[in-house]
Amino acid sequence: MPSMVLRNAHILDPSEGLDLAGCLAIRDGLIAYVGEERRDAEAAAGPAAISVDAGGLLLTPGLIDMHVHFREPGNEAEETIASGALAAVAGGFTSVVAMANTEPAADNESAIIFTRRESRRAGYANVFPVGTVTAGREGRELAEMAQMARGGAVAYSDDGASVPTAGLLRRALSYAKMLGKPILEHCEDKSLLADGEVDEGYMSTSLGLGGIPGECEEIIVARDVAMARLTGGHVHIQHVSTAKAVEVIRRAKAEGIRVTAEVTPHHLALTSDCLREYDPVFKVSPPLREREDVEACRRGLKEGVIDAIATDHAPHLDDEKELEFTYAPSGMIGLETAVGVISTALVRSGLFSWAEIIPALTSRPSGILKLGRGRLAAGLPGDLTLIDPLRAWTVEPERFHSRSRNCPFRGWKLEGGAVLTVVGGAALFDPDGRAGEKSPPPH
């Protein structure tokens, strides 16, 4: 098993109260020492350990993305488990959580086991599978939730659609509560969604495109909160995008209801103004919203109303995304730009400190899903991310490791990025050769 010493690092893990200049040791794939003394770190790692000079850069728990779409099985040309896991480590993520809306949907134990097996076979980021809430994601009857839990599912979601009725969601939350797992909800009221394509307001009117009102999200969030109150189950609201939804979640948390939430980098950095040129790369579900919604999501994240940042990495092929706006699918890739966008739009701008951001990418998603990762503590898996907050780079999707290129940040000049990703003590992505190991080739 791999052993390593990272020395001369700025170690930051607010969940463990760590903010210090020091060293971290990994032995046999597990964290063995975190502290100020290099000699103690080297002793803990053992004589065969790789030694890495971190150069004073930011050393954090391995980043966790609790919402990605890897298209295997069904649409492997867009993304496979292996290519997605490689894109993850290239972006600084050591663990990702794969949604169940594959073709066929991951609605049974065998599908869950398949994802876990392909993750181990790829050997890049850890890929944790989510199972569906309903059989075939058809919204009619519950899937075999207990069997999927036995196979390794960490949560349940029909992502891409909400659980259609309150009654069915009540049953799902009750079962999931017995299994100790959350229901992850994509909140859209289909009766308001209609033929909407973009946020309803000035932009939808000026572009002549169908609008999606913020109430479309708010109504389902409120319903889901009510069902969580009724059952005592844990509902997690995915990709929050509206000020109204943030307020519903705020009130629910104040009441003590088991609700958590996530927000995407693109809903924190982009507004509906990006749609002026009808470019389908900016078409996403839920849609990009107005400035007031973006600011509300930022406040929600800062105040802990929103728990996590998750990319909703959604790959599509060029010939799909280059259709007319109405016919193009929704979704953006985000694994390889997330750290840079967060650094540039939130930290370098002065809105957040790294100490405020890191828990939303590590300990909080791990706690929501009970992954047993996301902290720098002895005995936990040796998953680490080294971030250069000043790294200047330009987004060039053609150089990405994802199989898809539908990136809304093409050409952006970013400041900040991951420069070393360590999974289980092994340096799996190191563009500068910092650990003396060769980065894996693109798929």
Protein backbone atom coordinates (compact mmCIF):
# COMPACT_ATOMS: atom_id res chain seq x y z
CA MET A 1 0.00 0.00 0.00
CA PRO A 2 1.28 3.52 -0.80
CA SER A 3 3.08 5.66 1.77
CA MET A 4 3.88 9.37 1.44
CA VAL A 5 5.03 12.43 3.36
CA LEU A 6 3.81 15.86 2.28
CA ARG A 7 5.98 18.50 3.93
CA ASN A 8 5.97 22.29 3.95
CA ALA A 9 2.20 22.42 3.47
CA HIS A 10 -0.49 24.86 4.60
CA ILE A 11 -2.78 22.24 6.12
CA LEU A 12 -6.42 23.34 6.19
CA ASP A 13 -9.29 21.27 7.53
CA PRO A 14 -11.85 23.31 9.49
CA SER A 15 -13.74 20.15 10.48
CA GLU A 16 -10.67 19.08 12.51
CA GLY A 17 -9.69 22.60 13.59
CA LEU A 18 -6.55 22.46 11.41
CA ASP A 19 -5.00 25.60 9.96
CA LEU A 20 -1.24 25.25 10.25
CA ALA A 21 2.08 24.99 8.45
CA GLY A 22 3.24 21.42 8.74
CA CYS A 23 3.43 17.88 7.40
CA LEU A 24 1.09 15.01 6.72
CA ALA A 25 2.05 11.35 6.55
CA ILE A 26 0.26 8.48 4.84
CA ARG A 27 1.17 4.88 5.53
CA ASP A 28 -0.41 1.83 3.96
CA GLY A 29 -2.95 4.07 2.27
CA LEU A 30 -4.20 5.67 5.50
CA ILE A 31 -3.43 9.00 7.17
CA ALA A 32 -0.84 8.31 9.86
CA TYR A 33 0.18 11.79 11.07
CA VAL A 34 -0.92 15.42 10.77
CA GLY A 35 1.13 18.08 12.51
CA GLU A 36 4.05 20.48 12.54
CA GLU A 37 7.00 18.09 12.95
CA ARG A 38 8.65 16.75 9.81
CA ARG A 39 10.62 14.15 11.77
CA ASP A 40 7.44 12.73 13.30
CA ALA A 41 5.75 12.65 9.89
CA GLU A 42 8.65 10.76 8.32
CA ALA A 43 8.71 8.28 11.17
CA ALA A 44 4.95 7.70 10.84
CA ALA A 45 5.18 7.17 7.07
CA GLY A 46 8.05 4.71 7.21
CA PRO A 47 11.33 4.45 5.26
CA ALA A 48 9.76 3.61 1.87
CA ALA A 49 7.56 6.70 1.71
CA ILE A 50 7.58 9.15 -1.19
CA SER A 51 8.52 12.63 0.04
CA VAL A 52 6.74 15.61 -1.52
CA ASP A 53 7.54 19.28 -0.93
CA ALA A 54 4.17 21.02 -0.97
CA GLY A 55 5.81 24.42 -1.40
CA GLY A 56 3.56 26.11 1.14
CA LEU A 57 0.43 25.36 -0.90
CA LEU A 58 -2.98 24.54 0.51
CA LEU A 59 -3.34 20.91 1.61
CA THR A 60 -6.95 19.86 2.21
CA PRO A 61 -8.91 16.65 2.64
CA GLY A 62 -9.58 15.03 -0.71
CA LEU A 63 -12.38 16.94 -2.39
CA ILE A 64 -15.76 15.23 -2.71
CA ASP A 65 -18.31 15.92 -5.46
CA MET A 66 -21.65 14.53 -4.35
CA HIS A 67 -23.39 14.96 -7.71
CA VAL A 68 -21.97 13.76 -11.03
CA HIS A 69 -23.35 12.00 -14.10
CA PHE A 70 -21.22 9.27 -15.63
CA ARG A 71 -23.09 7.93 -18.64
CA GLU A 72 -22.09 4.28 -18.31
CA PRO A 73 -24.02 2.15 -19.06
CA GLY A 74 -25.89 3.49 -22.07
CA ASN A 75 -24.03 6.54 -23.36
CA GLU A 76 -20.34 5.72 -23.02
CA ALA A 77 -19.39 8.07 -25.86
CA GLU A 78 -20.27 10.97 -23.54
CA GLU A 79 -18.55 9.62 -20.42
CA THR A 80 -17.55 6.34 -18.84
CA ILE A 81 -16.97 5.59 -15.19
CA ALA A 82 -13.23 5.47 -15.93
CA SER A 83 -13.08 8.72 -17.93
CA GLY A 84 -15.25 10.51 -15.39
CA ALA A 85 -13.13 9.28 -12.50
CA LEU A 86 -10.01 10.47 -14.32
CA ALA A 87 -11.59 13.88 -14.94
CA ALA A 88 -12.36 13.97 -11.23
CA VAL A 89 -8.76 13.49 -10.08
CA ALA A 90 -7.62 15.96 -12.74
CA GLY A 91 -9.90 18.49 -11.07
CA GLY A 92 -8.76 17.67 -7.54
CA PHE A 93 -11.64 15.38 -6.54
CA THR A 94 -10.78 12.12 -4.80
CA SER A 95 -14.38 10.91 -4.45
CA VAL A 96 -17.50 11.44 -6.54
CA VAL A 97 -21.09 10.30 -6.23
CA ALA A 98 -22.62 9.01 -9.47
CA MET A 99 -26.31 9.55 -10.16
CA ALA A 100 -28.60 6.74 -11.24
CA ASN A 101 -30.03 8.14 -14.48
CA THR A 102 -28.03 5.88 -16.76
CA GLU A 103 -29.61 3.75 -19.50
CA PRO A 104 -30.82 1.42 -18.09
CA ALA A 105 -31.25 3.19 -14.79
CA ALA A 106 -29.34 2.00 -11.74
CA ASP A 107 -32.43 0.60 -10.02
CA ASN A 108 -31.12 -2.75 -8.80
CA GLU A 109 -28.28 -4.28 -6.82
CA SER A 110 -26.40 -5.53 -9.88
CA ALA A 111 -26.21 -2.03 -11.36
CA ILE A 112 -24.81 -0.68 -8.09
CA ILE A 113 -22.21 -3.44 -7.92
CA PHE A 114 -21.26 -2.74 -11.56
CA THR A 115 -20.46 0.91 -10.79
CA ARG A 116 -18.37 -0.02 -7.77
CA ARG A 117 -16.48 -2.65 -9.74
CA GLU A 118 -15.74 -0.32 -12.63
CA SER A 119 -14.57 2.33 -10.18
CA ARG A 120 -12.06 -0.09 -8.63
CA ARG A 121 -10.96 -1.25 -12.07
CA ALA A 122 -10.32 2.33 -13.23
CA GLY A 123 -8.28 3.13 -10.13
CA TYR A 124 -8.75 6.91 -10.15
CA ALA A 125 -11.29 8.72 -7.95
CA ASN A 126 -13.56 6.70 -5.70
CA VAL A 127 -16.97 6.44 -7.37
CA PHE A 128 -19.89 5.94 -4.98
CA PRO A 129 -23.15 4.89 -6.67
CA VAL A 130 -26.64 6.24 -6.07
CA GLY A 131 -29.65 4.04 -6.71
CA THR A 132 -32.99 5.17 -8.06
CA VAL A 133 -35.97 5.93 -5.86
CA THR A 134 -38.44 4.37 -8.28
CA ALA A 135 -38.16 1.37 -10.57
CA GLY A 136 -36.77 2.47 -13.92
CA ARG A 137 -37.02 6.10 -12.74
CA GLU A 138 -40.62 5.88 -13.97
CA GLY A 139 -42.18 7.38 -10.84
CA ARG A 140 -44.72 4.61 -10.30
CA GLU A 141 -43.36 2.21 -7.66
CA LEU A 142 -40.37 2.12 -5.36
CA ALA A 143 -37.21 0.39 -6.49
CA GLU A 144 -35.58 -2.36 -4.39
CA MET A 145 -33.97 0.10 -1.98
CA ALA A 146 -32.71 -2.42 0.58
CA GLN A 147 -31.05 -4.58 -2.07
CA MET A 148 -29.30 -1.54 -3.56
CA ALA A 149 -28.08 -0.57 -0.08
CA ARG A 150 -26.66 -4.07 0.28
CA GLY A 151 -24.85 -3.58 -3.02
CA GLY A 152 -23.28 -0.30 -1.87
CA ALA A 153 -25.69 2.49 -2.81
CA VAL A 154 -25.04 5.57 -0.66
CA ALA A 155 -28.35 7.33 -1.39
CA TYR A 156 -31.41 7.27 -3.66
CA SER A 157 -32.41 9.71 -6.39
CA ASP A 158 -34.48 9.89 -9.56
CA ASP A 159 -32.31 12.88 -10.51
CA GLY A 160 -33.55 14.52 -13.67
CA ALA A 161 -37.04 14.40 -12.16
CA SER A 162 -38.66 14.78 -8.76
CA VAL A 163 -40.45 11.92 -7.06
CA PRO A 164 -43.86 12.68 -8.63
CA THR A 165 -46.23 12.50 -5.67
CA ALA A 166 -46.08 13.31 -1.98
CA GLY A 167 -47.43 9.88 -1.12
CA LEU A 168 -44.68 8.06 -3.00
CA LEU A 169 -42.04 10.35 -1.51
CA ARG A 170 -43.43 9.67 1.97
CA ARG A 171 -42.93 5.94 1.47
CA ALA A 172 -39.47 6.47 -0.01
CA LEU A 173 -38.32 8.64 2.88
CA SER A 174 -39.66 6.11 5.39
CA TYR A 175 -37.77 3.24 3.77
CA ALA A 176 -34.62 5.32 3.31
CA LYS A 177 -34.77 6.33 6.98
CA MET A 178 -34.76 2.66 8.02
CA LEU A 179 -31.73 2.13 5.79
CA GLY A 180 -29.96 5.22 7.16
CA LYS A 181 -29.72 6.97 3.78
CA PRO A 182 -30.99 10.23 2.26
CA ILE A 183 -33.26 10.86 -0.70
CA LEU A 184 -31.59 13.29 -3.13
CA GLU A 185 -34.22 15.38 -4.88
CA HIS A 186 -34.19 17.24 -8.19
CA CYS A 187 -36.92 19.78 -7.44
CA GLU A 188 -39.10 20.76 -10.39
CA ASP A 189 -42.88 20.88 -10.55
CA LYS A 190 -43.59 19.44 -14.00
CA SER A 191 -46.92 21.24 -14.26
CA LEU A 192 -45.02 24.56 -14.14
CA LEU A 193 -42.06 23.33 -16.16
CA ALA A 194 -44.19 22.93 -19.31
CA ASP A 195 -42.09 23.95 -22.34
CA GLY A 196 -39.80 26.20 -20.30
CA GLU A 197 -36.14 26.39 -21.25
CA VAL A 198 -34.67 29.32 -19.31
CA ASP A 199 -35.41 31.32 -16.16
CA GLU A 200 -38.74 33.11 -16.43
CA GLY A 201 -38.27 36.87 -16.45
CA TYR A 202 -36.68 39.57 -18.54
CA MET A 203 -34.31 37.20 -20.30
CA SER A 204 -36.93 34.64 -21.32
CA THR A 205 -39.15 37.43 -22.64
CA SER A 206 -36.39 39.19 -24.56
CA LEU A 207 -35.12 35.95 -26.08
CA GLY A 208 -38.57 34.61 -26.92
CA LEU A 209 -37.89 31.37 -25.03
CA GLY A 210 -40.20 29.51 -22.66
CA GLY A 211 -39.72 30.52 -19.04
CA ILE A 212 -39.28 28.40 -15.91
CA PRO A 213 -40.44 30.34 -12.84
CA GLY A 214 -38.57 30.08 -9.56
CA GLU A 215 -41.79 28.73 -8.02
CA CYS A 216 -41.23 25.57 -10.08
CA GLU A 217 -38.37 24.75 -7.70
CA GLU A 218 -39.80 26.31 -4.55
CA ILE A 219 -43.02 24.27 -4.60
CA ILE A 220 -41.26 20.91 -4.71
CA VAL A 221 -38.71 21.96 -2.10
CA ALA A 222 -41.59 22.93 0.22
CA ARG A 223 -43.38 19.62 -0.44
CA ASP A 224 -40.20 17.63 0.19
CA VAL A 225 -39.54 19.50 3.42
CA ALA A 226 -43.08 18.71 4.56
CA MET A 227 -42.57 15.01 3.86
CA ALA A 228 -39.24 15.04 5.71
CA ARG A 229 -41.04 16.60 8.69
CA LEU A 230 -43.76 13.97 8.52
CA THR A 231 -41.47 10.95 8.24
CA GLY A 232 -38.34 12.07 10.07
CA GLY A 233 -36.44 11.04 6.95
CA HIS A 234 -33.52 12.93 5.40
CA VAL A 235 -34.17 14.82 2.18
CA HIS A 236 -31.31 16.48 0.33
CA ILE A 237 -32.15 19.24 -2.13
CA GLN A 238 -29.99 19.10 -5.24
CA HIS A 239 -28.62 22.08 -7.19
CA VAL A 240 -30.53 24.85 -5.40
CA SER A 241 -30.92 27.79 -7.78
CA THR A 242 -33.51 30.26 -6.42
CA ALA A 243 -33.76 32.71 -3.54
CA LYS A 244 -37.21 31.31 -2.72
CA ALA A 245 -35.85 27.76 -2.33
CA VAL A 246 -33.04 29.00 -0.08
CA GLU A 247 -35.61 30.59 2.24
CA VAL A 248 -37.70 27.40 2.42
CA ILE A 249 -34.59 25.44 3.39
CA ARG A 250 -33.59 28.09 5.91
CA ARG A 251 -36.97 27.83 7.68
CA ALA A 252 -36.87 24.03 7.60
CA LYS A 253 -33.47 23.90 9.23
CA ALA A 254 -34.58 26.37 11.90
CA GLU A 255 -37.47 23.98 12.62
CA GLY A 256 -35.06 21.05 12.99
CA ILE A 257 -36.23 19.14 9.91
CA ARG A 258 -33.68 16.77 8.37
CA VAL A 259 -32.95 18.69 5.19
CA THR A 260 -29.61 19.41 3.53
CA ALA A 261 -28.81 21.12 0.25
CA GLU A 262 -26.18 21.67 -2.42
CA VAL A 263 -25.41 24.38 -4.98
CA THR A 264 -23.35 24.15 -8.18
CA PRO A 265 -20.38 26.31 -9.15
CA HIS A 266 -22.30 27.49 -12.22
CA HIS A 267 -25.27 28.65 -10.13
CA LEU A 268 -22.80 30.58 -7.96
CA ALA A 269 -20.83 32.13 -10.84
CA LEU A 270 -23.19 32.56 -13.81
CA THR A 271 -26.48 34.36 -14.38
CA SER A 272 -29.18 34.22 -17.05
CA ASP A 273 -27.39 37.08 -18.81
CA CYS A 274 -25.09 34.42 -20.29
CA LEU A 275 -27.97 33.33 -22.53
CA ARG A 276 -28.01 36.48 -24.69
CA GLU A 277 -26.33 34.69 -27.61
CA TYR A 278 -28.61 31.62 -27.47
CA ASP A 279 -25.57 29.41 -26.81
CA PRO A 280 -26.83 25.95 -25.71
CA VAL A 281 -23.70 25.38 -23.62
CA PHE A 282 -25.45 27.56 -21.02
CA LYS A 283 -28.63 25.48 -21.08
CA VAL A 284 -28.86 23.62 -17.79
CA SER A 285 -31.50 22.23 -15.43
CA PRO A 286 -32.39 24.04 -13.24
CA PRO A 287 -31.71 27.06 -15.46
CA LEU A 288 -29.26 29.85 -14.77
CA ARG A 289 -31.12 32.45 -12.73
CA GLU A 290 -30.99 36.19 -12.18
CA ARG A 291 -28.40 38.05 -10.10
CA GLU A 292 -30.68 38.17 -7.03
CA ASP A 293 -30.91 34.36 -7.00
CA VAL A 294 -27.14 33.96 -7.38
CA GLU A 295 -26.58 36.31 -4.45
CA ALA A 296 -29.14 34.42 -2.35
CA CYS A 297 -27.38 31.12 -3.08
CA ARG A 298 -24.06 32.66 -2.09
CA ARG A 299 -25.54 33.92 1.18
CA GLY A 300 -27.11 30.53 1.80
CA LEU A 301 -23.76 28.83 1.35
CA LYS A 302 -21.96 31.32 3.58
CA GLU A 303 -24.56 30.98 6.35
CA GLY A 304 -24.69 27.17 6.22
CA VAL A 305 -28.24 27.00 4.86
CA ILE A 306 -26.69 25.32 1.82
CA ASP A 307 -24.32 22.58 2.97
CA ALA A 308 -22.31 21.53 -0.06
CA ILE A 309 -20.96 22.55 -3.45
CA ALA A 310 -21.50 19.89 -6.14
CA THR A 311 -20.80 20.18 -9.85
CA ASP A 312 -23.75 18.29 -11.38
CA HIS A 313 -21.15 17.26 -14.00
CA ALA A 314 -23.37 16.41 -17.01
CA PRO A 315 -21.46 15.46 -20.17
CA HIS A 316 -22.94 15.71 -23.67
CA LEU A 317 -21.39 15.27 -27.10
CA ASP A 318 -20.70 18.26 -29.34
CA ASP A 319 -23.28 17.27 -31.93
CA GLU A 320 -25.93 17.17 -29.20
CA LYS A 321 -25.06 20.53 -27.66
CA GLU A 322 -24.65 22.30 -31.02
CA LEU A 323 -28.32 21.91 -31.92
CA GLU A 324 -30.74 24.84 -31.80
CA PHE A 325 -31.26 25.97 -28.20
CA THR A 326 -34.72 24.38 -27.94
CA TYR A 327 -33.50 20.96 -29.06
CA ALA A 328 -30.18 20.83 -27.20
CA PRO A 329 -30.06 18.83 -23.96
CA SER A 330 -29.51 20.50 -20.60
CA GLY A 331 -26.24 20.07 -18.75
CA MET A 332 -22.65 21.22 -18.32
CA ILE A 333 -19.43 19.48 -17.38
CA GLY A 334 -17.75 20.81 -14.27
CA LEU A 335 -15.26 18.46 -12.63
CA GLU A 336 -12.13 19.98 -14.16
CA THR A 337 -13.11 23.63 -13.68
CA ALA A 338 -14.80 23.57 -10.26
CA VAL A 339 -11.79 24.48 -8.10
CA GLY A 340 -10.69 27.25 -10.45
CA VAL A 341 -14.18 28.74 -10.75
CA ILE A 342 -14.74 28.59 -7.00
CA SER A 343 -11.33 30.13 -6.33
CA THR A 344 -11.81 32.92 -8.86
CA ALA A 345 -15.50 33.75 -8.38
CA LEU A 346 -15.78 33.22 -4.63
CA VAL A 347 -12.40 33.32 -2.90
CA ARG A 348 -10.24 35.67 -4.98
CA SER A 349 -13.21 38.02 -5.19
CA GLY A 350 -13.22 38.28 -1.39
CA LEU A 351 -16.69 36.79 -0.90
CA PHE A 352 -15.42 33.66 0.89
CA SER A 353 -12.29 32.39 2.58
CA TRP A 354 -10.88 28.96 1.81
CA ALA A 355 -11.79 27.98 5.38
CA GLU A 356 -15.45 28.66 4.51
CA ILE A 357 -15.29 26.81 1.19
CA ILE A 358 -13.38 23.63 2.05
CA PRO A 359 -16.03 22.03 4.33
CA ALA A 360 -18.61 22.38 1.52
CA LEU A 361 -16.33 20.24 -0.67
CA THR A 362 -15.16 17.73 1.94
CA SER A 363 -16.57 17.05 5.42
CA ARG A 364 -20.15 18.14 4.76
CA PRO A 365 -20.87 16.00 1.67
CA SER A 366 -19.10 13.12 3.39
CA GLY A 367 -21.31 13.56 6.45
CA ILE A 368 -24.51 13.78 4.41
CA LEU A 369 -23.72 10.48 2.66
CA LYS A 370 -21.76 8.81 5.49
CA LEU A 371 -18.72 8.23 3.29
CA GLY A 372 -16.18 8.19 6.14
CA ARG A 373 -13.89 10.59 4.29
CA GLY A 374 -13.42 14.33 3.91
CA ARG A 375 -11.30 14.90 7.03
CA LEU A 376 -7.59 14.92 7.82
CA ALA A 377 -7.53 12.52 10.76
CA ALA A 378 -5.35 9.52 11.59
CA GLY A 379 -6.82 6.24 10.42
CA LEU A 380 -8.93 7.71 7.61
CA PRO A 381 -8.18 6.99 3.92
CA GLY A 382 -5.20 8.92 2.56
CA ASP A 383 -7.24 11.09 0.19
CA LEU A 384 -5.75 14.58 -0.22
CA THR A 385 -5.92 17.58 -2.54
CA LEU A 386 -3.12 20.12 -2.92
CA ILE A 387 -4.42 23.48 -4.17
CA ASP A 388 -2.39 26.36 -5.56
CA PRO A 389 -4.64 29.39 -4.85
CA LEU A 390 -2.59 31.55 -7.24
CA ARG A 391 -2.29 29.15 -10.16
CA ALA A 392 -3.19 31.10 -13.32
CA TRP A 393 -4.68 29.10 -16.17
CA THR A 394 -7.06 29.40 -19.08
CA VAL A 395 -9.96 26.97 -19.55
CA GLU A 396 -9.32 24.87 -22.66
CA PRO A 397 -11.86 22.04 -22.77
CA GLU A 398 -9.94 20.30 -25.56
CA ARG A 399 -7.30 19.45 -22.95
CA PHE A 400 -9.77 17.97 -20.48
CA HIS A 401 -9.83 14.30 -19.51
CA SER A 402 -13.61 14.09 -19.70
CA ARG A 403 -14.91 12.64 -22.96
CA SER A 404 -17.20 15.65 -23.41
CA ARG A 405 -16.46 19.34 -23.97
CA ASN A 406 -19.73 21.11 -23.04
CA CYS A 407 -18.03 23.57 -20.70
CA PRO A 408 -19.58 27.01 -20.09
CA PHE A 409 -16.25 28.45 -18.87
CA ARG A 410 -14.33 28.02 -22.13
CA GLY A 411 -11.72 30.77 -22.45
CA TRP A 412 -12.10 31.98 -18.86
CA LYS A 413 -8.85 33.00 -17.17
CA LEU A 414 -8.94 31.43 -13.73
CA GLU A 415 -6.80 31.87 -10.65
CA GLY A 416 -6.51 28.80 -8.45
CA GLY A 417 -6.51 25.08 -9.10
CA ALA A 418 -5.61 21.62 -7.84
CA VAL A 419 -1.99 20.66 -8.51
CA LEU A 420 -1.85 17.26 -6.81
CA THR A 421 -4.55 14.67 -6.16
CA VAL A 422 -3.79 11.76 -3.84
CA VAL A 423 -6.20 8.83 -3.46
CA GLY A 424 -5.44 6.15 -0.89
CA GLY A 425 -1.87 7.43 -0.61
CA ALA A 426 -1.20 7.22 -4.36
CA ALA A 427 -0.48 10.39 -6.37
CA LEU A 428 -2.98 9.90 -9.19
CA PHE A 429 -2.83 13.29 -10.84
CA ASP A 430 0.16 15.59 -10.76
CA PRO A 431 0.52 17.82 -13.84
CA ASP A 432 3.88 19.19 -12.69
CA GLY A 433 5.54 15.92 -11.68
CA ARG A 434 5.59 17.11 -8.09
CA ALA A 435 5.42 13.60 -6.62
CA GLY A 436 7.72 12.02 -9.13
CA GLU A 437 4.96 9.93 -10.64
CA LYS A 438 3.53 10.08 -14.12
CA SER A 439 -0.04 11.27 -14.52
CA PRO A 440 -2.42 8.79 -16.19
CA PRO A 441 -3.04 9.30 -19.90
CA PRO A 442 -6.33 10.74 -21.14
CA HIS A 443 -9.03 8.26 -22.19
